[in-house]
PDB file of N, CA and C in Angstrom:
ATOM      1  N   UNK A   1     -15.449  39.244   4.878  1.00  0.00           N
ATOM      2  CA  UNK A   1     -15.050  38.989   3.520  1.00  0.00           C
ATOM      3  C   UNK A   1     -13.698  38.253   3.488  1.00  0.00           C
ATOM      4  N   UNK A   2     -12.769  38.685   4.353  1.00  0.00           N
ATOM      5  CA  UNK A   2     -11.470  38.013   4.403  1.00  0.00           C
ATOM      6  C   UNK A   2     -11.633  36.557   4.819  1.00  0.00           C
ATOM      7  N   UNK A   3     -12.583  36.300   5.698  1.00  0.00           N
ATOM      8  CA  UNK A   3     -12.821  34.933   6.172  1.00  0.00           C
ATOM      9  C   UNK A   3     -13.283  34.043   5.021  1.00  0.00           C
ATOM     10  N   UNK A   4     -14.179  34.543   4.183  1.00  0.00           N
ATOM     11  CA  UNK A   4     -14.682  33.776   3.046  1.00  0.00           C
ATOM     12  C   UNK A   4     -13.553  33.511   2.054  1.00  0.00           C
ATOM     13  N   UNK A   5     -12.723  34.509   1.802  1.00  0.00           N
ATOM     14  CA  UNK A   5     -11.597  34.340   0.878  1.00  0.00           C
ATOM     15  C   UNK A   5     -10.612  33.310   1.423  1.00  0.00           C
ATOM     16  N   UNK A   6     -10.354  33.352   2.721  1.00  0.00           N
ATOM     17  CA  UNK A   6      -9.432  32.382   3.334  1.00  0.00           C
ATOM     18  C   UNK A   6      -9.998  30.970   3.263  1.00  0.00           C
ATOM     19  N   UNK A   7     -11.272  30.816   3.560  1.00  0.00           N
ATOM     20  CA  UNK A   7     -11.896  29.501   3.481  1.00  0.00           C
ATOM     21  C   UNK A   7     -11.898  28.968   2.052  1.00  0.00           C
ATOM     22  N   UNK A   8     -12.150  29.857   1.110  1.00  0.00           N
ATOM     23  CA  UNK A   8     -12.148  29.458  -0.299  1.00  0.00           C
ATOM     24  C   UNK A   8     -10.766  28.976  -0.725  1.00  0.00           C
ATOM     25  N   UNK A   9      -9.721  29.681  -0.311  1.00  0.00           N
ATOM     26  CA  UNK A   9      -8.364  29.287  -0.660  1.00  0.00           C
ATOM     27  C   UNK A   9      -8.006  27.958   0.017  1.00  0.00           C
ATOM     28  N   UNK A  10      -8.391  27.788   1.255  1.00  0.00           N
ATOM     29  CA  UNK A  10      -8.120  26.551   1.983  1.00  0.00           C
ATOM     30  C   UNK A  10      -8.812  25.361   1.312  1.00  0.00           C
ATOM     31  N   UNK A  11     -10.046  25.531   0.907  1.00  0.00           N
ATOM     32  CA  UNK A  11     -10.781  24.483   0.215  1.00  0.00           C
ATOM     33  C   UNK A  11     -10.114  24.141  -1.116  1.00  0.00           C
ATOM     34  N   UNK A  12      -9.699  25.152  -1.851  1.00  0.00           N
ATOM     35  CA  UNK A  12      -9.017  24.920  -3.135  1.00  0.00           C
ATOM     36  C   UNK A  12      -7.727  24.147  -2.947  1.00  0.00           C
ATOM     37  N   UNK A  13      -6.953  24.501  -1.937  1.00  0.00           N
ATOM     38  CA  UNK A  13      -5.700  23.804  -1.668  1.00  0.00           C
ATOM     39  C   UNK A  13      -5.940  22.363  -1.250  1.00  0.00           C
ATOM     40  N   UNK A  14      -6.970  22.117  -0.444  1.00  0.00           N
ATOM     41  CA  UNK A  14      -7.231  20.746  -0.020  1.00  0.00           C
ATOM     42  C   UNK A  14      -7.687  19.890  -1.193  1.00  0.00           C
ATOM     43  N   UNK A  15      -8.463  20.442  -2.109  1.00  0.00           N
ATOM     44  CA  UNK A  15      -8.868  19.705  -3.306  1.00  0.00           C
ATOM     45  C   UNK A  15      -7.661  19.427  -4.177  1.00  0.00           C
ATOM     46  N   UNK A  16      -6.793  20.406  -4.348  1.00  0.00           N
ATOM     47  CA  UNK A  16      -5.583  20.232  -5.146  1.00  0.00           C
ATOM     48  C   UNK A  16      -4.689  19.161  -4.536  1.00  0.00           C
ATOM     49  N   UNK A  17      -4.497  19.189  -3.215  1.00  0.00           N
ATOM     50  CA  UNK A  17      -3.663  18.185  -2.559  1.00  0.00           C
ATOM     51  C   UNK A  17      -4.249  16.793  -2.736  1.00  0.00           C
ATOM     52  N   UNK A  18      -5.559  16.673  -2.570  1.00  0.00           N
ATOM     53  CA  UNK A  18      -6.218  15.369  -2.716  1.00  0.00           C
ATOM     54  C   UNK A  18      -6.041  14.825  -4.124  1.00  0.00           C
ATOM     55  N   UNK A  19      -6.216  15.654  -5.127  1.00  0.00           N
ATOM     56  CA  UNK A  19      -6.053  15.213  -6.514  1.00  0.00           C
ATOM     57  C   UNK A  19      -4.609  14.833  -6.799  1.00  0.00           C
ATOM     58  N   UNK A  20      -3.664  15.593  -6.266  1.00  0.00           N
ATOM     59  CA  UNK A  20      -2.245  15.300  -6.462  1.00  0.00           C
ATOM     60  C   UNK A  20      -1.883  13.984  -5.790  1.00  0.00           C
ATOM     61  N   UNK A  21      -2.357  13.762  -4.581  1.00  0.00           N
ATOM     62  CA  UNK A  21      -2.046  12.527  -3.859  1.00  0.00           C
ATOM     63  C   UNK A  21      -2.591  11.315  -4.598  1.00  0.00           C
ATOM     64  N   UNK A  22      -3.807  11.412  -5.113  1.00  0.00           N
ATOM     65  CA  UNK A  22      -4.379  10.286  -5.834  1.00  0.00           C
ATOM     66  C   UNK A  22      -3.648  10.029  -7.134  1.00  0.00           C
ATOM     67  N   UNK A  23      -3.266  11.064  -7.847  1.00  0.00           N
ATOM     68  CA  UNK A  23      -2.566  10.857  -9.117  1.00  0.00           C
ATOM     69  C   UNK A  23      -1.160  10.335  -8.900  1.00  0.00           C
ATOM     70  N   UNK A  24      -0.588  10.562  -7.718  1.00  0.00           N
ATOM     71  CA  UNK A  24       0.743  10.048  -7.411  1.00  0.00           C
ATOM     72  C   UNK A  24       0.689   8.604  -6.942  1.00  0.00           C
ATOM     73  N   UNK A  25      -0.509   8.050  -6.828  1.00  0.00           N
ATOM     74  CA  UNK A  25      -0.633   6.647  -6.443  1.00  0.00           C
ATOM     75  C   UNK A  25      -0.628   6.421  -4.947  1.00  0.00           C
ATOM     76  N   UNK A  26      -1.023   7.390  -4.165  1.00  0.00           N
ATOM     77  CA  UNK A  26      -1.042   7.241  -2.726  1.00  0.00           C
ATOM     78  C   UNK A  26      -2.398   6.695  -2.296  1.00  0.00           C
ATOM     79  N   UNK A  27      -2.397   5.885  -1.264  1.00  0.00           N
ATOM     80  CA  UNK A  27      -3.637   5.365  -0.733  1.00  0.00           C
ATOM     81  C   UNK A  27      -3.975   4.004  -1.304  1.00  0.00           C
ATOM     82  N   UNK A  28      -4.950   3.336  -0.701  1.00  0.00           N
ATOM     83  CA  UNK A  28      -5.302   1.990  -1.132  1.00  0.00           C
ATOM     84  C   UNK A  28      -6.776   1.743  -0.919  1.00  0.00           C
ATOM     85  N   UNK A  29      -7.130   0.467  -0.996  1.00  0.00           N
ATOM     86  CA  UNK A  29      -8.499   0.012  -0.805  1.00  0.00           C
ATOM     87  C   UNK A  29      -9.468   0.808  -1.665  1.00  0.00           C
ATOM     88  N   UNK A  30      -9.456   0.499  -2.963  1.00  0.00           N
ATOM     89  CA  UNK A  30     -10.337   1.162  -3.903  1.00  0.00           C
ATOM     90  C   UNK A  30      -9.689   2.350  -4.587  1.00  0.00           C
ATOM     91  N   UNK A  31      -8.530   2.738  -4.153  1.00  0.00           N
ATOM     92  CA  UNK A  31      -7.827   3.852  -4.769  1.00  0.00           C
ATOM     93  C   UNK A  31      -6.632   3.298  -5.535  1.00  0.00           C
ATOM     94  N   UNK A  32      -5.901   4.180  -6.178  1.00  0.00           N
ATOM     95  CA  UNK A  32      -4.732   3.736  -6.925  1.00  0.00           C
ATOM     96  C   UNK A  32      -3.676   3.174  -5.985  1.00  0.00           C
ATOM     97  N   UNK A  33      -2.913   2.217  -6.503  1.00  0.00           N
ATOM     98  CA  UNK A  33      -1.829   1.625  -5.725  1.00  0.00           C
ATOM     99  C   UNK A  33      -0.621   2.548  -5.765  1.00  0.00           C
ATOM    100  N   UNK A  34       0.221   2.506  -4.726  1.00  0.00           N
ATOM    101  CA  UNK A  34       1.439   3.290  -4.761  1.00  0.00           C
ATOM    102  C   UNK A  34       2.297   2.856  -5.946  1.00  0.00           C
ATOM    103  N   UNK A  35       3.020   3.786  -6.484  1.00  0.00           N
ATOM    104  CA  UNK A  35       3.832   3.495  -7.659  1.00  0.00           C
ATOM    105  C   UNK A  35       5.272   3.255  -7.235  1.00  0.00           C
ATOM    106  N   UNK A  36       5.875   2.207  -7.788  1.00  0.00           N
ATOM    107  CA  UNK A  36       7.306   2.004  -7.582  1.00  0.00           C
ATOM    108  C   UNK A  36       8.008   2.458  -8.849  1.00  0.00           C
ATOM    109  N   UNK A  37       9.210   2.961  -8.690  1.00  0.00           N
ATOM    110  CA  UNK A  37       9.931   3.374  -9.880  1.00  0.00           C
ATOM    111  C   UNK A  37      10.507   2.148 -10.590  1.00  0.00           C
ATOM    112  N   UNK A  38      10.993   2.341 -11.794  1.00  0.00           N
ATOM    113  CA  UNK A  38      11.484   1.233 -12.627  1.00  0.00           C
ATOM    114  C   UNK A  38      12.585   0.426 -11.944  1.00  0.00           C
ATOM    115  N   UNK A  39      13.460   1.077 -11.186  1.00  0.00           N
ATOM    116  CA  UNK A  39      14.579   0.353 -10.585  1.00  0.00           C
ATOM    117  C   UNK A  39      14.133  -0.619  -9.492  1.00  0.00           C
ATOM    118  N   UNK A  40      12.920  -0.435  -8.945  1.00  0.00           N
ATOM    119  CA  UNK A  40      12.427  -1.326  -7.896  1.00  0.00           C
ATOM    120  C   UNK A  40      11.486  -2.404  -8.416  1.00  0.00           C
ATOM    121  N   UNK A  41      11.094  -2.336  -9.675  1.00  0.00           N
ATOM    122  CA  UNK A  41      10.202  -3.368 -10.197  1.00  0.00           C
ATOM    123  C   UNK A  41      10.927  -4.703 -10.213  1.00  0.00           C
ATOM    124  N   UNK A  42      10.237  -5.723  -9.729  1.00  0.00           N
ATOM    125  CA  UNK A  42      10.766  -7.085  -9.636  1.00  0.00           C
ATOM    126  C   UNK A  42      11.878  -7.236  -8.607  1.00  0.00           C
ATOM    127  N   UNK A  43      12.103  -6.229  -7.779  1.00  0.00           N
ATOM    128  CA  UNK A  43      13.101  -6.284  -6.716  1.00  0.00           C
ATOM    129  C   UNK A  43      12.402  -6.634  -5.411  1.00  0.00           C
ATOM    130  N   UNK A  44      12.992  -7.523  -4.616  1.00  0.00           N
ATOM    131  CA  UNK A  44      12.401  -7.884  -3.325  1.00  0.00           C
ATOM    132  C   UNK A  44      12.492  -6.692  -2.371  1.00  0.00           C
ATOM    133  N   UNK A  45      11.359  -6.332  -1.794  1.00  0.00           N
ATOM    134  CA  UNK A  45      11.276  -5.229  -0.844  1.00  0.00           C
ATOM    135  C   UNK A  45      10.854  -5.807   0.503  1.00  0.00           C
ATOM    136  N   UNK A  46      11.619  -5.515   1.553  1.00  0.00           N
ATOM    137  CA  UNK A  46      11.300  -5.997   2.900  1.00  0.00           C
ATOM    138  C   UNK A  46      10.380  -5.000   3.591  1.00  0.00           C
ATOM    139  N   UNK A  47       9.431  -5.533   4.367  1.00  0.00           N
ATOM    140  CA  UNK A  47       8.490  -4.679   5.085  1.00  0.00           C
ATOM    141  C   UNK A  47       7.991  -5.400   6.339  1.00  0.00           C
ATOM    142  N   UNK A  48       7.380  -4.614   7.232  1.00  0.00           N
ATOM    143  CA  UNK A  48       6.772  -5.139   8.455  1.00  0.00           C
ATOM    144  C   UNK A  48       5.352  -4.599   8.509  1.00  0.00           C
ATOM    145  N   UNK A  49       4.420  -5.464   8.888  1.00  0.00           N
ATOM    146  CA  UNK A  49       3.046  -4.997   8.973  1.00  0.00           C
ATOM    147  C   UNK A  49       2.167  -5.952   9.756  1.00  0.00           C
ATOM    148  N   UNK A  50       0.909  -5.566   9.885  1.00  0.00           N
ATOM    149  CA  UNK A  50      -0.085  -6.386  10.574  1.00  0.00           C
ATOM    150  C   UNK A  50      -1.119  -6.831   9.550  1.00  0.00           C
ATOM    151  N   UNK A  51      -1.399  -8.131   9.550  1.00  0.00           N
ATOM    152  CA  UNK A  51      -2.377  -8.695   8.623  1.00  0.00           C
ATOM    153  C   UNK A  51      -3.773  -8.259   9.060  1.00  0.00           C
ATOM    154  N   UNK A  52      -4.489  -7.593   8.169  1.00  0.00           N
ATOM    155  CA  UNK A  52      -5.825  -7.100   8.466  1.00  0.00           C
ATOM    156  C   UNK A  52      -6.916  -8.004   7.918  1.00  0.00           C
ATOM    157  N   UNK A  53      -6.636  -8.639   6.780  1.00  0.00           N
ATOM    158  CA  UNK A  53      -7.647  -9.483   6.155  1.00  0.00           C
ATOM    159  C   UNK A  53      -6.964 -10.516   5.272  1.00  0.00           C
ATOM    160  N   UNK A  54      -7.544 -11.706   5.207  1.00  0.00           N
ATOM    161  CA  UNK A  54      -7.001 -12.777   4.381  1.00  0.00           C
ATOM    162  C   UNK A  54      -8.128 -13.308   3.500  1.00  0.00           C
ATOM    163  N   UNK A  55      -7.889 -13.341   2.189  1.00  0.00           N
ATOM    164  CA  UNK A  55      -8.852 -13.931   1.254  1.00  0.00           C
ATOM    165  C   UNK A  55      -8.118 -14.981   0.436  1.00  0.00           C
ATOM    166  N   UNK A  56      -8.087 -16.173   0.982  1.00  0.00           N
ATOM    167  CA  UNK A  56      -7.366 -17.284   0.361  1.00  0.00           C
ATOM    168  C   UNK A  56      -7.922 -17.608  -1.024  1.00  0.00           C
ATOM    169  N   UNK A  57      -9.251 -17.540  -1.183  1.00  0.00           N
ATOM    170  CA  UNK A  57      -9.887 -17.866  -2.460  1.00  0.00           C
ATOM    171  C   UNK A  57      -9.436 -16.924  -3.580  1.00  0.00           C
ATOM    172  N   UNK A  58      -9.255 -15.646  -3.254  1.00  0.00           N
ATOM    173  CA  UNK A  58      -8.819 -14.671  -4.258  1.00  0.00           C
ATOM    174  C   UNK A  58      -7.300 -14.539  -4.304  1.00  0.00           C
ATOM    175  N   UNK A  59      -6.610 -15.166  -3.336  1.00  0.00           N
ATOM    176  CA  UNK A  59      -5.153 -15.074  -3.294  1.00  0.00           C
ATOM    177  C   UNK A  59      -4.664 -13.697  -2.890  1.00  0.00           C
ATOM    178  N   UNK A  60      -5.411 -13.061  -1.970  1.00  0.00           N
ATOM    179  CA  UNK A  60      -5.086 -11.690  -1.554  1.00  0.00           C
ATOM    180  C   UNK A  60      -5.007 -11.602  -0.039  1.00  0.00           C
ATOM    181  N   UNK A  61      -4.067 -10.784   0.434  1.00  0.00           N
ATOM    182  CA  UNK A  61      -3.957 -10.469   1.854  1.00  0.00           C
ATOM    183  C   UNK A  61      -3.881  -8.947   1.978  1.00  0.00           C
ATOM    184  N   UNK A  62      -4.561  -8.402   2.972  1.00  0.00           N
ATOM    185  CA  UNK A  62      -4.526  -6.964   3.242  1.00  0.00           C
ATOM    186  C   UNK A  62      -3.614  -6.764   4.437  1.00  0.00           C
ATOM    187  N   UNK A  63      -2.581  -5.934   4.255  1.00  0.00           N
ATOM    188  CA  UNK A  63      -1.594  -5.700   5.311  1.00  0.00           C
ATOM    189  C   UNK A  63      -1.463  -4.206   5.570  1.00  0.00           C
ATOM    190  N   UNK A  64      -1.537  -3.827   6.851  1.00  0.00           N
ATOM    191  CA  UNK A  64      -1.246  -2.451   7.272  1.00  0.00           C
ATOM    192  C   UNK A  64       0.248  -2.407   7.552  1.00  0.00           C
ATOM    193  N   UNK A  65       1.016  -1.898   6.600  1.00  0.00           N
ATOM    194  CA  UNK A  65       2.473  -1.937   6.754  1.00  0.00           C
ATOM    195  C   UNK A  65       3.033  -0.638   7.312  1.00  0.00           C
ATOM    196  N   UNK A  66       4.191  -0.769   7.931  1.00  0.00           N
ATOM    197  CA  UNK A  66       4.934   0.383   8.437  1.00  0.00           C
ATOM    198  C   UNK A  66       5.524   1.132   7.246  1.00  0.00           C
ATOM    199  N   UNK A  67       6.073   2.329   7.466  1.00  0.00           N
ATOM    200  CA  UNK A  67       6.712   3.040   6.350  1.00  0.00           C
ATOM    201  C   UNK A  67       7.782   2.173   5.689  1.00  0.00           C
ATOM    202  N   UNK A  68       7.885   2.277   4.383  1.00  0.00           N
ATOM    203  CA  UNK A  68       8.899   1.537   3.624  1.00  0.00           C
ATOM    204  C   UNK A  68       9.849   2.577   3.044  1.00  0.00           C
ATOM    205  N   UNK A  69      10.942   2.812   3.767  1.00  0.00           N
ATOM    206  CA  UNK A  69      11.883   3.882   3.423  1.00  0.00           C
ATOM    207  C   UNK A  69      12.506   3.700   2.050  1.00  0.00           C
ATOM    208  N   UNK A  70      12.793   2.444   1.661  1.00  0.00           N
ATOM    209  CA  UNK A  70      13.462   2.220   0.377  1.00  0.00           C
ATOM    210  C   UNK A  70      12.600   2.664  -0.805  1.00  0.00           C
ATOM    211  N   UNK A  71      11.288   2.741  -0.613  1.00  0.00           N
ATOM    212  CA  UNK A  71      10.388   3.188  -1.666  1.00  0.00           C
ATOM    213  C   UNK A  71       9.855   4.597  -1.423  1.00  0.00           C
ATOM    214  N   UNK A  72      10.140   5.139  -0.236  1.00  0.00           N
ATOM    215  CA  UNK A  72       9.622   6.458   0.107  1.00  0.00           C
ATOM    216  C   UNK A  72       8.128   6.429   0.426  1.00  0.00           C
ATOM    217  N   UNK A  73       7.622   5.272   0.849  1.00  0.00           N
ATOM    218  CA  UNK A  73       6.202   5.134   1.179  1.00  0.00           C
ATOM    219  C   UNK A  73       5.969   5.385   2.657  1.00  0.00           C
ATOM    220  N   UNK A  74       4.877   6.026   2.978  1.00  0.00           N
ATOM    221  CA  UNK A  74       4.458   6.156   4.368  1.00  0.00           C
ATOM    222  C   UNK A  74       3.703   4.890   4.761  1.00  0.00           C
ATOM    223  N   UNK A  75       3.384   4.783   6.019  1.00  0.00           N
ATOM    224  CA  UNK A  75       2.594   3.632   6.480  1.00  0.00           C
ATOM    225  C   UNK A  75       1.222   3.692   5.826  1.00  0.00           C
ATOM    226  N   UNK A  76       0.720   2.538   5.407  1.00  0.00           N
ATOM    227  CA  UNK A  76      -0.607   2.474   4.803  1.00  0.00           C
ATOM    228  C   UNK A  76      -1.102   1.037   4.798  1.00  0.00           C
ATOM    229  N   UNK A  77      -2.349   0.861   4.462  1.00  0.00           N
ATOM    230  CA  UNK A  77      -2.952  -0.462   4.349  1.00  0.00           C
ATOM    231  C   UNK A  77      -3.106  -0.773   2.873  1.00  0.00           C
ATOM    232  N   UNK A  78      -2.590  -1.950   2.466  1.00  0.00           N
ATOM    233  CA  UNK A  78      -2.572  -2.322   1.053  1.00  0.00           C
ATOM    234  C   UNK A  78      -3.034  -3.752   0.840  1.00  0.00           C
ATOM    235  N   UNK A  79      -3.556  -3.999  -0.351  1.00  0.00           N
ATOM    236  CA  UNK A  79      -3.839  -5.357  -0.810  1.00  0.00           C
ATOM    237  C   UNK A  79      -2.585  -5.894  -1.478  1.00  0.00           C
ATOM    238  N   UNK A  80      -2.219  -7.114  -1.144  1.00  0.00           N
ATOM    239  CA  UNK A  80      -1.093  -7.794  -1.779  1.00  0.00           C
ATOM    240  C   UNK A  80      -1.591  -9.121  -2.336  1.00  0.00           C
ATOM    241  N   UNK A  81      -1.088  -9.506  -3.497  1.00  0.00           N
ATOM    242  CA  UNK A  81      -1.371 -10.835  -4.038  1.00  0.00           C
ATOM    243  C   UNK A  81      -0.446 -11.834  -3.366  1.00  0.00           C
ATOM    244  N   UNK A  82      -0.919 -13.074  -3.258  1.00  0.00           N
ATOM    245  CA  UNK A  82      -0.115 -14.171  -2.713  1.00  0.00           C
ATOM    246  C   UNK A  82      -0.233 -15.312  -3.712  1.00  0.00           C
ATOM    247  N   UNK A  83       0.844 -15.547  -4.463  1.00  0.00           N
ATOM    248  CA  UNK A  83       0.777 -16.573  -5.495  1.00  0.00           C
ATOM    249  C   UNK A  83       1.115 -17.968  -4.980  1.00  0.00           C
ATOM    250  N   UNK A  84       1.977 -18.058  -3.978  1.00  0.00           N
ATOM    251  CA  UNK A  84       2.332 -19.349  -3.395  1.00  0.00           C
ATOM    252  C   UNK A  84       1.375 -19.613  -2.229  1.00  0.00           C
ATOM    253  N   UNK A  85       0.412 -20.461  -2.458  1.00  0.00           N
ATOM    254  CA  UNK A  85      -0.636 -20.726  -1.469  1.00  0.00           C
ATOM    255  C   UNK A  85      -0.081 -21.230  -0.129  1.00  0.00           C
ATOM    256  N   UNK A  86       1.112 -21.803  -0.128  1.00  0.00           N
ATOM    257  CA  UNK A  86       1.714 -22.272   1.129  1.00  0.00           C
ATOM    258  C   UNK A  86       1.993 -21.117   2.087  1.00  0.00           C
ATOM    259  N   UNK A  87       2.163 -19.906   1.552  1.00  0.00           N
ATOM    260  CA  UNK A  87       2.417 -18.753   2.419  1.00  0.00           C
ATOM    261  C   UNK A  87       1.215 -18.432   3.303  1.00  0.00           C
ATOM    262  N   UNK A  88       0.017 -18.810   2.872  1.00  0.00           N
ATOM    263  CA  UNK A  88      -1.169 -18.550   3.692  1.00  0.00           C
ATOM    264  C   UNK A  88      -1.111 -19.260   5.035  1.00  0.00           C
ATOM    265  N   UNK A  89      -0.287 -20.312   5.153  1.00  0.00           N
ATOM    266  CA  UNK A  89      -0.124 -20.990   6.440  1.00  0.00           C
ATOM    267  C   UNK A  89       0.537 -20.080   7.474  1.00  0.00           C
ATOM    268  N   UNK A  90       1.271 -19.052   7.013  1.00  0.00           N
ATOM    269  CA  UNK A  90       1.974 -18.127   7.906  1.00  0.00           C
ATOM    270  C   UNK A  90       1.242 -16.791   8.043  1.00  0.00           C
ATOM    271  N   UNK A  91       0.153 -16.631   7.294  1.00  0.00           N
ATOM    272  CA  UNK A  91      -0.565 -15.361   7.270  1.00  0.00           C
ATOM    273  C   UNK A  91      -1.889 -15.525   8.005  1.00  0.00           C
ATOM    274  N   UNK A  92      -1.964 -14.951   9.184  1.00  0.00           N
ATOM    275  CA  UNK A  92      -3.172 -15.018  10.001  1.00  0.00           C
ATOM    276  C   UNK A  92      -3.629 -13.605  10.344  1.00  0.00           C
ATOM    277  N   UNK A  93      -4.920 -13.363  10.268  1.00  0.00           N
ATOM    278  CA  UNK A  93      -5.462 -12.046  10.585  1.00  0.00           C
ATOM    279  C   UNK A  93      -5.054 -11.621  11.989  1.00  0.00           C
ATOM    280  N   UNK A  94      -4.579 -10.392  12.122  1.00  0.00           N
ATOM    281  CA  UNK A  94      -4.151  -9.838  13.410  1.00  0.00           C
ATOM    282  C   UNK A  94      -2.689 -10.080  13.734  1.00  0.00           C
ATOM    283  N   UNK A  95      -2.011 -10.904  12.941  1.00  0.00           N
ATOM    284  CA  UNK A  95      -0.609 -11.250  13.211  1.00  0.00           C
ATOM    285  C   UNK A  95       0.340 -10.205  12.609  1.00  0.00           C
ATOM    286  N   UNK A  96       1.364  -9.846  13.368  1.00  0.00           N
ATOM    287  CA  UNK A  96       2.426  -8.981  12.858  1.00  0.00           C
ATOM    288  C   UNK A  96       3.390  -9.845  12.054  1.00  0.00           C
ATOM    289  N   UNK A  97       3.712  -9.422  10.841  1.00  0.00           N
ATOM    290  CA  UNK A  97       4.574 -10.216   9.972  1.00  0.00           C
ATOM    291  C   UNK A  97       5.708  -9.373   9.410  1.00  0.00           C
ATOM    292  N   UNK A  98       6.828 -10.037   9.218  1.00  0.00           N
ATOM    293  CA  UNK A  98       7.935  -9.498   8.430  1.00  0.00           C
ATOM    294  C   UNK A  98       7.762 -10.175   7.079  1.00  0.00           C
ATOM    295  N   UNK A  99       7.702  -9.392   6.028  1.00  0.00           N
ATOM    296  CA  UNK A  99       7.444  -9.988   4.727  1.00  0.00           C
ATOM    297  C   UNK A  99       8.251  -9.293   3.638  1.00  0.00           C
ATOM    298  N   UNK A 100       8.347  -9.973   2.517  1.00  0.00           N
ATOM    299  CA  UNK A 100       8.967  -9.394   1.331  1.00  0.00           C
ATOM    300  C   UNK A 100       7.943  -9.444   0.215  1.00  0.00           C
ATOM    301  N   UNK A 101       8.001  -8.438  -0.655  1.00  0.00           N
ATOM    302  CA  UNK A 101       7.113  -8.424  -1.800  1.00  0.00           C
ATOM    303  C   UNK A 101       7.850  -7.862  -3.011  1.00  0.00           C
ATOM    304  N   UNK A 102       7.267  -8.096  -4.167  1.00  0.00           N
ATOM    305  CA  UNK A 102       7.801  -7.588  -5.431  1.00  0.00           C
ATOM    306  C   UNK A 102       6.677  -6.899  -6.192  1.00  0.00           C
ATOM    307  N   UNK A 103       7.045  -5.931  -7.001  1.00  0.00           N
ATOM    308  CA  UNK A 103       6.092  -5.287  -7.900  1.00  0.00           C
ATOM    309  C   UNK A 103       6.216  -6.000  -9.234  1.00  0.00           C
ATOM    310  N   UNK A 104       5.196  -6.802  -9.555  1.00  0.00           N
ATOM    311  CA  UNK A 104       5.229  -7.627 -10.758  1.00  0.00           C
ATOM    312  C   UNK A 104       3.924  -7.433 -11.519  1.00  0.00           C
ATOM    313  N   UNK A 105       4.043  -7.106 -12.804  1.00  0.00           N
ATOM    314  CA  UNK A 105       2.869  -7.003 -13.685  1.00  0.00           C
ATOM    315  C   UNK A 105       1.745  -6.178 -13.064  1.00  0.00           C
ATOM    316  N   UNK A 106       2.066  -4.982 -12.601  1.00  0.00           N
ATOM    317  CA  UNK A 106       1.091  -4.044 -12.058  1.00  0.00           C
ATOM    318  C   UNK A 106       0.415  -4.474 -10.763  1.00  0.00           C
ATOM    319  N   UNK A 107       1.027  -5.419 -10.048  1.00  0.00           N
ATOM    320  CA  UNK A 107       0.505  -5.774  -8.729  1.00  0.00           C
ATOM    321  C   UNK A 107       1.658  -6.021  -7.778  1.00  0.00           C
ATOM    322  N   UNK A 108       1.347  -6.006  -6.489  1.00  0.00           N
ATOM    323  CA  UNK A 108       2.346  -6.251  -5.464  1.00  0.00           C
ATOM    324  C   UNK A 108       2.129  -7.672  -4.944  1.00  0.00           C
ATOM    325  N   UNK A 109       3.184  -8.480  -5.011  1.00  0.00           N
ATOM    326  CA  UNK A 109       3.092  -9.904  -4.711  1.00  0.00           C
ATOM    327  C   UNK A 109       3.975 -10.248  -3.521  1.00  0.00           C
ATOM    328  N   UNK A 110       3.374 -10.796  -2.454  1.00  0.00           N
ATOM    329  CA  UNK A 110       4.126 -11.255  -1.293  1.00  0.00           C
ATOM    330  C   UNK A 110       4.878 -12.528  -1.695  1.00  0.00           C
ATOM    331  N   UNK A 111       6.174 -12.540  -1.414  1.00  0.00           N
ATOM    332  CA  UNK A 111       7.010 -13.691  -1.782  1.00  0.00           C
ATOM    333  C   UNK A 111       7.575 -14.414  -0.573  1.00  0.00           C
ATOM    334  N   UNK A 112       7.699 -13.734   0.567  1.00  0.00           N
ATOM    335  CA  UNK A 112       8.252 -14.325   1.784  1.00  0.00           C
ATOM    336  C   UNK A 112       7.458 -13.791   2.980  1.00  0.00           C
ATOM    337  N   UNK A 113       7.166 -14.674   3.943  1.00  0.00           N
ATOM    338  CA  UNK A 113       6.512 -14.262   5.184  1.00  0.00           C
ATOM    339  C   UNK A 113       7.253 -14.912   6.338  1.00  0.00           C
ATOM    340  N   UNK A 114       7.623 -14.106   7.333  1.00  0.00           N
ATOM    341  CA  UNK A 114       8.308 -14.616   8.528  1.00  0.00           C
ATOM    342  C   UNK A 114       7.514 -14.272   9.753  1.00  0.00           C
TER     343      UNK A 114
END
């Protein structure tokens, strides 16, 4: 009986954690985007990551980035918009990049790629 009660509590906690994480904007690829606070909106944020996918036609790049301490984000894989098409010349699948992005109009936009 104690085993069933323990399993039930563990399941409840894992469901609660999952719901909390999603509502806080954690995770990507079909899930909510991480949330930046007001003071970081439109501010250039530096990051390092590996390009996982490039969709030039949609103006999107998927990057698995390292933790971003200034935002309190853990490492994750995210979709970023790329508005300056010339940046795609520096964005190749599998390449490690140093990049900057901004949170603009409810999306994350890559502005610099090194």
